[in-house]
Amino acid sequence: MQKRGIGHESLFDTLVHILNVHEVWLVYIVRGRNSDAALGALFDDAGRHPRTWKGFDEYAERENRFYECARYYLPKHTPYDLVQLAEIASGRA
């Protein structure tokens, strides 16, 4: 991928980063799985770092499954719960 000098060097890397952020929120933070060990294992997962469009498509499909899972969990939280989760994730709680 051509480096463009933007935040994540290329459009491809920016799109991967967006999927990474969604995954952390949808799978870990919303479900309360935000321990350092759980997040460390997630960050080390090679499937989160595709280098080809084929790998990106596979990761995006995995992300779609996470989204469906989050649709199940989100209605179970109040707005207050979500604020608390955001504060925990940001280190402010």
C-alpha atoms as a PDB file:
ATOM      1  CA  MET A   1       0.000   0.000   0.000  1.00  0.00           C
ATOM      2  CA  GLN A   2       1.266   3.453  -0.833  1.00  0.00           C
ATOM      3  CA  LYS A   3       2.239   5.569   2.180  1.00  0.00           C
ATOM      4  CA  ARG A   4       0.434   8.899   2.073  1.00  0.00           C
ATOM      5  CA  GLY A   5       1.858  10.577   5.160  1.00  0.00           C
ATOM      6  CA  ILE A   6      -1.493  10.534   6.955  1.00  0.00           C
ATOM      7  CA  GLY A   7      -2.114   9.315  10.504  1.00  0.00           C
ATOM      8  CA  HIS A   8      -1.952   5.626   9.649  1.00  0.00           C
ATOM      9  CA  GLU A   9       0.265   6.022   6.568  1.00  0.00           C
ATOM     10  CA  SER A  10      -2.245   4.706   4.015  1.00  0.00           C
ATOM     11  CA  LEU A  11      -5.959   4.441   3.397  1.00  0.00           C
ATOM     12  CA  PHE A  12      -5.661   0.678   3.912  1.00  0.00           C
ATOM     13  CA  ASP A  13      -4.016   1.110   7.334  1.00  0.00           C
ATOM     14  CA  THR A  14      -6.645   3.696   8.308  1.00  0.00           C
ATOM     15  CA  LEU A  15      -9.447   1.264   7.423  1.00  0.00           C
ATOM     16  CA  VAL A  16      -7.756  -1.496   9.427  1.00  0.00           C
ATOM     17  CA  HIS A  17      -7.467   0.900  12.376  1.00  0.00           C
ATOM     18  CA  ILE A  18     -11.207   1.651  12.182  1.00  0.00           C
ATOM     19  CA  LEU A  19     -11.979  -2.072  12.346  1.00  0.00           C
ATOM     20  CA  ASN A  20      -9.553  -2.434  15.284  1.00  0.00           C
ATOM     21  CA  VAL A  21     -11.303   0.319  17.247  1.00  0.00           C
ATOM     22  CA  HIS A  22     -14.758  -1.080  16.498  1.00  0.00           C
ATOM     23  CA  GLU A  23     -13.652  -4.515  17.602  1.00  0.00           C
ATOM     24  CA  VAL A  24     -12.328  -3.286  20.939  1.00  0.00           C
ATOM     25  CA  TRP A  25     -15.539  -1.387  21.685  1.00  0.00           C
ATOM     26  CA  LEU A  26     -18.017  -3.957  20.408  1.00  0.00           C
ATOM     27  CA  VAL A  27     -16.406  -7.119  21.693  1.00  0.00           C
ATOM     28  CA  TYR A  28     -14.522  -6.097  24.780  1.00  0.00           C
ATOM     29  CA  ILE A  29     -15.642  -2.789  26.265  1.00  0.00           C
ATOM     30  CA  VAL A  30     -19.410  -3.177  25.744  1.00  0.00           C
ATOM     31  CA  ARG A  31     -19.297  -6.710  27.122  1.00  0.00           C
ATOM     32  CA  GLY A  32     -17.178  -5.657  30.107  1.00  0.00           C
ATOM     33  CA  ARG A  33     -14.126  -7.648  29.004  1.00  0.00           C
ATOM     34  CA  ASN A  34     -11.637  -4.846  29.439  1.00  0.00           C
ATOM     35  CA  SER A  35      -8.867  -6.413  31.508  1.00  0.00           C
ATOM     36  CA  ASP A  36      -5.292  -5.776  30.462  1.00  0.00           C
ATOM     37  CA  ALA A  37      -4.808  -9.501  29.813  1.00  0.00           C
ATOM     38  CA  ALA A  38      -7.875  -9.787  27.563  1.00  0.00           C
ATOM     39  CA  LEU A  39      -7.006  -6.656  25.624  1.00  0.00           C
ATOM     40  CA  GLY A  40      -3.350  -7.698  25.348  1.00  0.00           C
ATOM     41  CA  ALA A  41      -4.372 -11.027  23.828  1.00  0.00           C
ATOM     42  CA  LEU A  42      -6.662  -9.207  21.421  1.00  0.00           C
ATOM     43  CA  PHE A  43      -3.963  -6.750  20.356  1.00  0.00           C
ATOM     44  CA  ASP A  44      -1.552  -9.633  19.705  1.00  0.00           C
ATOM     45  CA  ASP A  45      -4.051 -11.434  17.444  1.00  0.00           C
ATOM     46  CA  ALA A  46      -2.423 -11.595  13.996  1.00  0.00           C
ATOM     47  CA  GLY A  47      -5.866 -11.595  12.339  1.00  0.00           C
ATOM     48  CA  ARG A  48      -6.287  -7.964  13.408  1.00  0.00           C
ATOM     49  CA  HIS A  49      -3.329  -6.846  11.289  1.00  0.00           C
ATOM     50  CA  PRO A  50      -4.088  -7.775   7.673  1.00  0.00           C
ATOM     51  CA  ARG A  51      -1.583  -6.738   5.022  1.00  0.00           C
ATOM     52  CA  THR A  52      -3.666  -7.580   1.948  1.00  0.00           C
ATOM     53  CA  TRP A  53      -7.189  -6.772   0.794  1.00  0.00           C
ATOM     54  CA  LYS A  54      -8.079 -10.465   1.097  1.00  0.00           C
ATOM     55  CA  GLY A  55      -6.992 -10.372   4.731  1.00  0.00           C
ATOM     56  CA  PHE A  56      -8.910  -7.131   5.219  1.00  0.00           C
ATOM     57  CA  ASP A  57     -12.089  -8.717   3.847  1.00  0.00           C
ATOM     58  CA  GLU A  58     -11.670 -11.686   6.211  1.00  0.00           C
ATOM     59  CA  TYR A  59     -11.177  -9.334   9.157  1.00  0.00           C
ATOM     60  CA  ALA A  60     -14.167  -7.220   8.112  1.00  0.00           C
ATOM     61  CA  GLU A  61     -16.339 -10.354   8.017  1.00  0.00           C
ATOM     62  CA  ARG A  62     -15.179 -11.217  11.518  1.00  0.00           C
ATOM     63  CA  GLU A  63     -16.033  -7.642  12.511  1.00  0.00           C
ATOM     64  CA  ASN A  64     -19.561  -8.090  11.149  1.00  0.00           C
ATOM     65  CA  ARG A  65     -20.033 -11.058  13.472  1.00  0.00           C
ATOM     66  CA  PHE A  66     -18.852  -8.879  16.380  1.00  0.00           C
ATOM     67  CA  TYR A  67     -21.374  -6.220  15.383  1.00  0.00           C
ATOM     68  CA  GLU A  68     -24.200  -8.755  15.514  1.00  0.00           C
ATOM     69  CA  CYS A  69     -23.007  -9.825  18.951  1.00  0.00           C
ATOM     70  CA  ALA A  70     -22.965  -6.188  20.128  1.00  0.00           C
ATOM     71  CA  ARG A  71     -26.526  -5.710  18.893  1.00  0.00           C
ATOM     72  CA  TYR A  72     -27.455  -8.337  21.455  1.00  0.00           C
ATOM     73  CA  TYR A  73     -25.539  -6.693  24.333  1.00  0.00           C
ATOM     74  CA  LEU A  74     -26.219  -2.986  23.759  1.00  0.00           C
ATOM     75  CA  PRO A  75     -29.956  -3.057  24.601  1.00  0.00           C
ATOM     76  CA  LYS A  76     -29.029  -4.580  27.952  1.00  0.00           C
ATOM     77  CA  HIS A  77     -27.165  -1.390  28.973  1.00  0.00           C
ATOM     78  CA  THR A  78     -28.552   1.945  30.093  1.00  0.00           C
ATOM     79  CA  PRO A  79     -26.950   5.182  28.878  1.00  0.00           C
ATOM     80  CA  TYR A  80     -25.386   5.450  32.349  1.00  0.00           C
ATOM     81  CA  ASP A  81     -23.790   2.009  31.911  1.00  0.00           C
ATOM     82  CA  LEU A  82     -22.273   3.066  28.594  1.00  0.00           C
ATOM     83  CA  VAL A  83     -20.841   6.255  30.121  1.00  0.00           C
ATOM     84  CA  GLN A  84     -19.305   4.175  32.904  1.00  0.00           C
ATOM     85  CA  LEU A  85     -17.786   1.777  30.369  1.00  0.00           C
ATOM     86  CA  ALA A  86     -16.369   4.703  28.386  1.00  0.00           C
ATOM     87  CA  GLU A  87     -14.830   6.174  31.545  1.00  0.00           C
ATOM     88  CA  ILE A  88     -13.285   2.832  32.457  1.00  0.00           C
ATOM     89  CA  ALA A  89     -11.875   2.460  28.938  1.00  0.00           C
ATOM     90  CA  SER A  90     -10.409   5.964  29.017  1.00  0.00           C
ATOM     91  CA  GLY A  91      -8.862   5.460  32.455  1.00  0.00           C
ATOM     92  CA  ARG A  92     -10.999   8.166  34.067  1.00  0.00           C
ATOM     93  CA  ALA A  93     -12.986   5.834  36.326  1.00  0.00           C
END
